[in-house]
Structure formats: C-alpha cells, structure tokens
Amino acid sequence: MKINKDGLELIKHFEGCYLSPYYCPAGVLTQGYGHTGKDVKKGVNITQAQADKWLAEDMAEFEDAVTRLVKADLNENQFSALVSFSFNVGSGALARSTLLRCIHAGDFKEAGRQFLRWDKAKGKRLKGLTRRREAEKKLFEKPATVEDITEVVKRLKTRIDDIEERLNNAEVRI
C-alpha cells in the first residue's frame, strides 16, 4: 500500500519545506520535508526538486516499515496516518508503541487515541506536535472508501488462496 493524498498533504503541512538545513525541536539536522540523514549538511541548500525526491524516498521507506510492522488489515487512511506518524517519530518507536499493540489487538478506537500521547520532544509538550497528532488521529479514524474495502477484500482473497495452496501441497506430501 502507498500513502494517500491526504496523508502526504498532512506531512507536507506539518513538516513544511525548508531548502536550507535547520535543527528540528528534537535537535536533529533536517531539510526539505522533514528529511534527516547523512545527506543533510549544515550550510548546504537544496533545490525543490531535491526536497521532492527525498520526500518520495522517505515515503517509500516508511511505507515499507508500516507494511512490515503492522500485522492487521488497514484502510488507506489508517495506513497513511501510520506512515505520517512513523516518519515523524521513527519506525522503531512505532514498533515499540502501545498504538501498534492496540492495532494488533483489533482495538482501533484506542489505537486512534494513542496518537495523542506522542506530542512531546525532549520531554516537552509541543503545540505543533499536538496538532499533528490530532490530524493523524482524524485521518486514522476517517472511514474507508469503497476502493479501500475492495482492496482489503482482494488482499484477504489472496491470503485465503495462499493458505489453500499450502494446504493442498501439504496433503500431496502426506
């Protein structure tokens, strides 16, 4: 699954786009749309095209992380909210979170509430993070579209077909 338009707009809104490097509230050198890493260099500006390229690369990385970590069916809004969340706090934080445990337990209502706990940087509550978590929660709780439901049904059918094939192959070996 890929992040949807609403998720991408959420990230762009809260990250902003900075062509000059800066230190985020957590003290990390950042550039473009919240991009961090060895390629962000103090005093070196980038182009809008580079910011867009890094955003696409970062989204692919965090889409993969959410896909790997979440063992439950999600609609595109839930998935996109989790990509935004993990892009901001890190996939390791998502992996260790009560938010993820709630999803795996099937408690999506409580999972939505868990976003709101993640509004601090260096132990201090930040209004910008509070607003971001509220937006992520709202996206996570936004109902699925018909296309989302169709996609979930397709994935379930593929899983069932895979299980049936494994069972048939197991019977042949017996």
C-alpha atoms as a PDB file:
ATOM      1  CA  MET A   1       0.000   0.000   0.000  1.00  0.00           C
ATOM      2  CA  LYS A   2       1.094   3.574  -0.601  1.00  0.00           C
ATOM      3  CA  ILE A   3       0.437   6.728   1.384  1.00  0.00           C
ATOM      4  CA  ASN A   4      -2.656   8.510   0.062  1.00  0.00           C
ATOM      5  CA  LYS A   5      -3.066  12.151  -0.925  1.00  0.00           C
ATOM      6  CA  ASP A   6      -4.476  13.131   2.486  1.00  0.00           C
ATOM      7  CA  GLY A   7      -1.519  11.556   4.282  1.00  0.00           C
ATOM      8  CA  LEU A   8       1.013  13.213   2.027  1.00  0.00           C
ATOM      9  CA  GLU A   9      -0.686  16.596   2.425  1.00  0.00           C
ATOM     10  CA  LEU A  10      -0.669  16.124   6.212  1.00  0.00           C
ATOM     11  CA  ILE A  11       3.089  15.513   6.173  1.00  0.00           C
ATOM     12  CA  LYS A  12       3.773  18.450   3.864  1.00  0.00           C
ATOM     13  CA  HIS A  13       1.632  20.754   6.010  1.00  0.00           C
ATOM     14  CA  PHE A  14       3.257  19.875   9.329  1.00  0.00           C
ATOM     15  CA  GLU A  15       6.829  19.452   8.089  1.00  0.00           C
ATOM     16  CA  GLY A  16       6.868  22.429   5.750  1.00  0.00           C
ATOM     17  CA  CYS A  17       9.544  22.545   3.077  1.00  0.00           C
ATOM     18  CA  TYR A  18      12.876  24.050   4.029  1.00  0.00           C
ATOM     19  CA  LEU A  19      15.570  24.212   1.382  1.00  0.00           C
ATOM     20  CA  SER A  20      18.103  25.353   3.983  1.00  0.00           C
ATOM     21  CA  PRO A  21      19.004  22.914   6.762  1.00  0.00           C
ATOM     22  CA  TYR A  22      17.708  23.575  10.276  1.00  0.00           C
ATOM     23  CA  TYR A  23      17.558  21.844  13.650  1.00  0.00           C
ATOM     24  CA  CYS A  24      14.106  20.483  14.488  1.00  0.00           C
ATOM     25  CA  PRO A  25      12.772  20.743  18.090  1.00  0.00           C
ATOM     26  CA  ALA A  26      14.324  17.339  18.849  1.00  0.00           C
ATOM     27  CA  GLY A  27      17.738  18.736  17.855  1.00  0.00           C
ATOM     28  CA  VAL A  28      18.116  16.789  14.586  1.00  0.00           C
ATOM     29  CA  LEU A  29      19.530  18.470  11.471  1.00  0.00           C
ATOM     30  CA  THR A  30      16.623  18.475   8.991  1.00  0.00           C
ATOM     31  CA  GLN A  31      15.945  19.694   5.468  1.00  0.00           C
ATOM     32  CA  GLY A  32      13.268  19.507   2.769  1.00  0.00           C
ATOM     33  CA  TYR A  33      10.039  17.952   4.096  1.00  0.00           C
ATOM     34  CA  GLY A  34      11.416  16.686   7.413  1.00  0.00           C
ATOM     35  CA  HIS A  35      14.259  14.732   5.806  1.00  0.00           C
ATOM     36  CA  THR A  36      17.139  13.726   8.074  1.00  0.00           C
ATOM     37  CA  GLY A  37      20.307  11.753   7.473  1.00  0.00           C
ATOM     38  CA  LYS A  38      23.908  11.961   6.349  1.00  0.00           C
ATOM     39  CA  ASP A  39      22.913  13.735   3.136  1.00  0.00           C
ATOM     40  CA  VAL A  40      21.656  16.771   5.115  1.00  0.00           C
ATOM     41  CA  LYS A  41      24.667  19.019   5.521  1.00  0.00           C
ATOM     42  CA  LYS A  42      24.887  22.163   7.599  1.00  0.00           C
ATOM     43  CA  GLY A  43      25.132  25.252   5.393  1.00  0.00           C
ATOM     44  CA  VAL A  44      24.245  23.434   2.140  1.00  0.00           C
ATOM     45  CA  ASN A  45      20.950  24.386   0.497  1.00  0.00           C
ATOM     46  CA  ILE A  46      18.959  22.062  -1.742  1.00  0.00           C
ATOM     47  CA  THR A  47      16.518  22.601  -4.621  1.00  0.00           C
ATOM     48  CA  GLN A  48      12.775  21.989  -4.545  1.00  0.00           C
ATOM     49  CA  ALA A  49      13.379  19.019  -6.858  1.00  0.00           C
ATOM     50  CA  GLN A  50      15.762  17.511  -4.272  1.00  0.00           C
ATOM     51  CA  ALA A  51      13.236  18.082  -1.481  1.00  0.00           C
ATOM     52  CA  ASP A  52      10.562  16.313  -3.558  1.00  0.00           C
ATOM     53  CA  LYS A  53      12.969  13.443  -4.336  1.00  0.00           C
ATOM     54  CA  TRP A  54      13.857  12.968  -0.674  1.00  0.00           C
ATOM     55  CA  LEU A  55      10.174  13.040   0.286  1.00  0.00           C
ATOM     56  CA  ALA A  56       9.384  10.281  -2.234  1.00  0.00           C
ATOM     57  CA  GLU A  57      12.328   8.191  -0.964  1.00  0.00           C
ATOM     58  CA  ASP A  58      11.352   8.760   2.665  1.00  0.00           C
ATOM     59  CA  MET A  59       7.740   7.792   1.961  1.00  0.00           C
ATOM     60  CA  ALA A  60       8.845   4.536   0.313  1.00  0.00           C
ATOM     61  CA  GLU A  61      10.997   3.745   3.363  1.00  0.00           C
ATOM     62  CA  PHE A  62       8.203   4.392   5.867  1.00  0.00           C
ATOM     63  CA  GLU A  63       5.525   2.714   3.743  1.00  0.00           C
ATOM     64  CA  ASP A  64       7.730  -0.394   3.826  1.00  0.00           C
ATOM     65  CA  ALA A  65       8.219  -0.060   7.585  1.00  0.00           C
ATOM     66  CA  VAL A  66       4.479   0.228   8.279  1.00  0.00           C
ATOM     67  CA  THR A  67       3.782  -2.704   5.938  1.00  0.00           C
ATOM     68  CA  ARG A  68       6.415  -4.795   7.748  1.00  0.00           C
ATOM     69  CA  LEU A  69       5.320  -3.857  11.279  1.00  0.00           C
ATOM     70  CA  VAL A  70       1.531  -3.906  11.046  1.00  0.00           C
ATOM     71  CA  LYS A  71       0.025  -7.401  11.017  1.00  0.00           C
ATOM     72  CA  ALA A  72      -3.565  -6.253  10.572  1.00  0.00           C
ATOM     73  CA  ASP A  73      -5.623  -5.110   7.634  1.00  0.00           C
ATOM     74  CA  LEU A  74      -5.738  -1.334   7.361  1.00  0.00           C
ATOM     75  CA  ASN A  75      -7.648   1.015   5.119  1.00  0.00           C
ATOM     76  CA  GLU A  76      -5.657   3.604   3.195  1.00  0.00           C
ATOM     77  CA  ASN A  77      -6.409   6.328   5.763  1.00  0.00           C
ATOM     78  CA  GLN A  78      -5.184   4.207   8.674  1.00  0.00           C
ATOM     79  CA  PHE A  79      -2.086   3.227   6.714  1.00  0.00           C
ATOM     80  CA  SER A  80      -1.368   6.837   5.712  1.00  0.00           C
ATOM     81  CA  ALA A  81      -1.771   8.108   9.279  1.00  0.00           C
ATOM     82  CA  LEU A  82       0.717   5.470  10.446  1.00  0.00           C
ATOM     83  CA  VAL A  83       3.198   6.412   7.704  1.00  0.00           C
ATOM     84  CA  SER A  84       2.996  10.057   8.811  1.00  0.00           C
ATOM     85  CA  PHE A  85       3.382   9.060  12.458  1.00  0.00           C
ATOM     86  CA  SER A  86       6.358   6.758  11.885  1.00  0.00           C
ATOM     87  CA  PHE A  87       8.029   9.278   9.550  1.00  0.00           C
ATOM     88  CA  ASN A  88       7.880  11.784  12.403  1.00  0.00           C
ATOM     89  CA  VAL A  89       8.785   9.583  15.392  1.00  0.00           C
ATOM     90  CA  GLY A  90      10.650   6.747  13.663  1.00  0.00           C
ATOM     91  CA  SER A  91       9.645   3.218  12.779  1.00  0.00           C
ATOM     92  CA  GLY A  92      11.346   1.880  15.917  1.00  0.00           C
ATOM     93  CA  ALA A  93       9.027   3.985  18.066  1.00  0.00           C
ATOM     94  CA  LEU A  94       6.023   2.613  16.162  1.00  0.00           C
ATOM     95  CA  ALA A  95       7.336  -0.941  16.632  1.00  0.00           C
ATOM     96  CA  ARG A  96       7.503  -0.489  20.426  1.00  0.00           C
ATOM     97  CA  SER A  97       4.284   1.510  20.776  1.00  0.00           C
ATOM     98  CA  THR A  98       1.034   0.795  22.540  1.00  0.00           C
ATOM     99  CA  LEU A  99      -0.535   2.213  19.378  1.00  0.00           C
ATOM    100  CA  LEU A 100       0.731  -0.789  17.398  1.00  0.00           C
ATOM    101  CA  ARG A 101      -0.283  -3.227  20.160  1.00  0.00           C
ATOM    102  CA  CYS A 102      -3.817  -1.789  20.077  1.00  0.00           C
ATOM    103  CA  ILE A 103      -3.992  -2.257  16.306  1.00  0.00           C
ATOM    104  CA  HIS A 104      -2.845  -5.869  16.620  1.00  0.00           C
ATOM    105  CA  ALA A 105      -5.454  -6.430  19.345  1.00  0.00           C
ATOM    106  CA  GLY A 106      -8.131  -5.077  16.985  1.00  0.00           C
ATOM    107  CA  ASP A 107      -8.832  -2.074  19.230  1.00  0.00           C
ATOM    108  CA  PHE A 108      -8.768   0.629  16.570  1.00  0.00           C
ATOM    109  CA  LYS A 109     -10.658   3.117  18.746  1.00  0.00           C
ATOM    110  CA  GLU A 110      -7.946   3.003  21.410  1.00  0.00           C
ATOM    111  CA  ALA A 111      -5.266   2.986  18.704  1.00  0.00           C
ATOM    112  CA  GLY A 112      -6.647   6.313  17.492  1.00  0.00           C
ATOM    113  CA  ARG A 113      -6.398   7.739  20.999  1.00  0.00           C
ATOM    114  CA  GLN A 114      -2.791   6.572  21.264  1.00  0.00           C
ATOM    115  CA  PHE A 115      -1.662   9.076  18.620  1.00  0.00           C
ATOM    116  CA  LEU A 116      -2.365  11.870  21.103  1.00  0.00           C
ATOM    117  CA  ARG A 117       0.230  10.564  23.586  1.00  0.00           C
ATOM    118  CA  TRP A 118       3.060  11.368  21.160  1.00  0.00           C
ATOM    119  CA  ASP A 119       3.131  15.162  21.385  1.00  0.00           C
ATOM    120  CA  LYS A 120       6.471  15.749  23.138  1.00  0.00           C
ATOM    121  CA  ALA A 121      10.037  16.439  22.031  1.00  0.00           C
ATOM    122  CA  LYS A 122      12.767  16.127  24.651  1.00  0.00           C
ATOM    123  CA  GLY A 123      10.029  15.656  27.280  1.00  0.00           C
ATOM    124  CA  LYS A 124       8.281  18.933  26.472  1.00  0.00           C
ATOM    125  CA  ARG A 125       4.760  19.082  25.008  1.00  0.00           C
ATOM    126  CA  LEU A 126       4.771  20.996  21.719  1.00  0.00           C
ATOM    127  CA  LYS A 127       1.613  22.577  20.289  1.00  0.00           C
ATOM    128  CA  GLY A 128       2.689  21.724  16.743  1.00  0.00           C
ATOM    129  CA  LEU A 129       3.050  18.050  17.644  1.00  0.00           C
ATOM    130  CA  THR A 130      -0.305  18.109  19.423  1.00  0.00           C
ATOM    131  CA  ARG A 131      -1.946  19.479  16.264  1.00  0.00           C
ATOM    132  CA  ARG A 132      -0.141  16.927  14.099  1.00  0.00           C
ATOM    133  CA  ARG A 133      -1.230  14.012  16.297  1.00  0.00           C
ATOM    134  CA  GLU A 134      -4.819  15.270  16.245  1.00  0.00           C
ATOM    135  CA  ALA A 135      -4.662  15.384  12.426  1.00  0.00           C
ATOM    136  CA  GLU A 136      -3.147  11.885  12.271  1.00  0.00           C
ATOM    137  CA  LYS A 137      -5.836  10.580  14.633  1.00  0.00           C
ATOM    138  CA  LYS A 138      -8.539  12.193  12.499  1.00  0.00           C
ATOM    139  CA  LEU A 139      -7.105  10.616   9.336  1.00  0.00           C
ATOM    140  CA  PHE A 140      -6.723   7.227  11.080  1.00  0.00           C
ATOM    141  CA  GLU A 141     -10.393   7.342  12.112  1.00  0.00           C
ATOM    142  CA  LYS A 142     -11.665   8.546   8.714  1.00  0.00           C
ATOM    143  CA  PRO A 143     -13.941   5.856   7.218  1.00  0.00           C
ATOM    144  CA  ALA A 144     -12.701   3.709   4.397  1.00  0.00           C
ATOM    145  CA  THR A 145     -13.798   4.345   0.853  1.00  0.00           C
ATOM    146  CA  VAL A 146     -15.375   1.686  -1.354  1.00  0.00           C
ATOM    147  CA  GLU A 147     -11.978   1.359  -3.057  1.00  0.00           C
ATOM    148  CA  ASP A 148     -10.327   0.666   0.329  1.00  0.00           C
ATOM    149  CA  ILE A 149     -12.831  -2.053   1.136  1.00  0.00           C
ATOM    150  CA  THR A 150     -12.393  -3.615  -2.304  1.00  0.00           C
ATOM    151  CA  GLU A 151      -8.605  -3.631  -1.774  1.00  0.00           C
ATOM    152  CA  VAL A 152      -8.934  -5.318   1.649  1.00  0.00           C
ATOM    153  CA  VAL A 153     -11.231  -7.981   0.157  1.00  0.00           C
ATOM    154  CA  LYS A 154      -8.657  -8.626  -2.614  1.00  0.00           C
ATOM    155  CA  ARG A 155      -5.846  -8.996  -0.048  1.00  0.00           C
ATOM    156  CA  LEU A 156      -7.943 -11.370   2.056  1.00  0.00           C
ATOM    157  CA  LYS A 157      -8.807 -13.441  -1.019  1.00  0.00           C
ATOM    158  CA  THR A 158      -5.096 -13.645  -1.904  1.00  0.00           C
ATOM    159  CA  ARG A 159      -4.289 -14.812   1.642  1.00  0.00           C
ATOM    160  CA  ILE A 160      -7.035 -17.433   1.528  1.00  0.00           C
ATOM    161  CA  ASP A 161      -5.797 -18.661  -1.873  1.00  0.00           C
ATOM    162  CA  ASP A 162      -2.232 -18.908  -0.489  1.00  0.00           C
ATOM    163  CA  ILE A 163      -3.412 -20.892   2.542  1.00  0.00           C
ATOM    164  CA  GLU A 164      -5.486 -23.224   0.367  1.00  0.00           C
ATOM    165  CA  GLU A 165      -2.489 -23.811  -1.907  1.00  0.00           C
ATOM    166  CA  ARG A 166      -0.229 -24.595   1.068  1.00  0.00           C
ATOM    167  CA  LEU A 167      -2.836 -26.997   2.459  1.00  0.00           C
ATOM    168  CA  ASN A 168      -3.168 -28.726  -0.908  1.00  0.00           C
ATOM    169  CA  ASN A 169       0.616 -29.031  -1.187  1.00  0.00           C
ATOM    170  CA  ALA A 170       0.794 -30.414   2.366  1.00  0.00           C
ATOM    171  CA  GLU A 171      -1.769 -33.104   1.502  1.00  0.00           C
ATOM    172  CA  VAL A 172       0.297 -34.174  -1.518  1.00  0.00           C
ATOM    173  CA  ARG A 173       3.373 -34.716   0.698  1.00  0.00           C
ATOM    174  CA  ILE A 174       1.494 -36.911   3.210  1.00  0.00           C
END
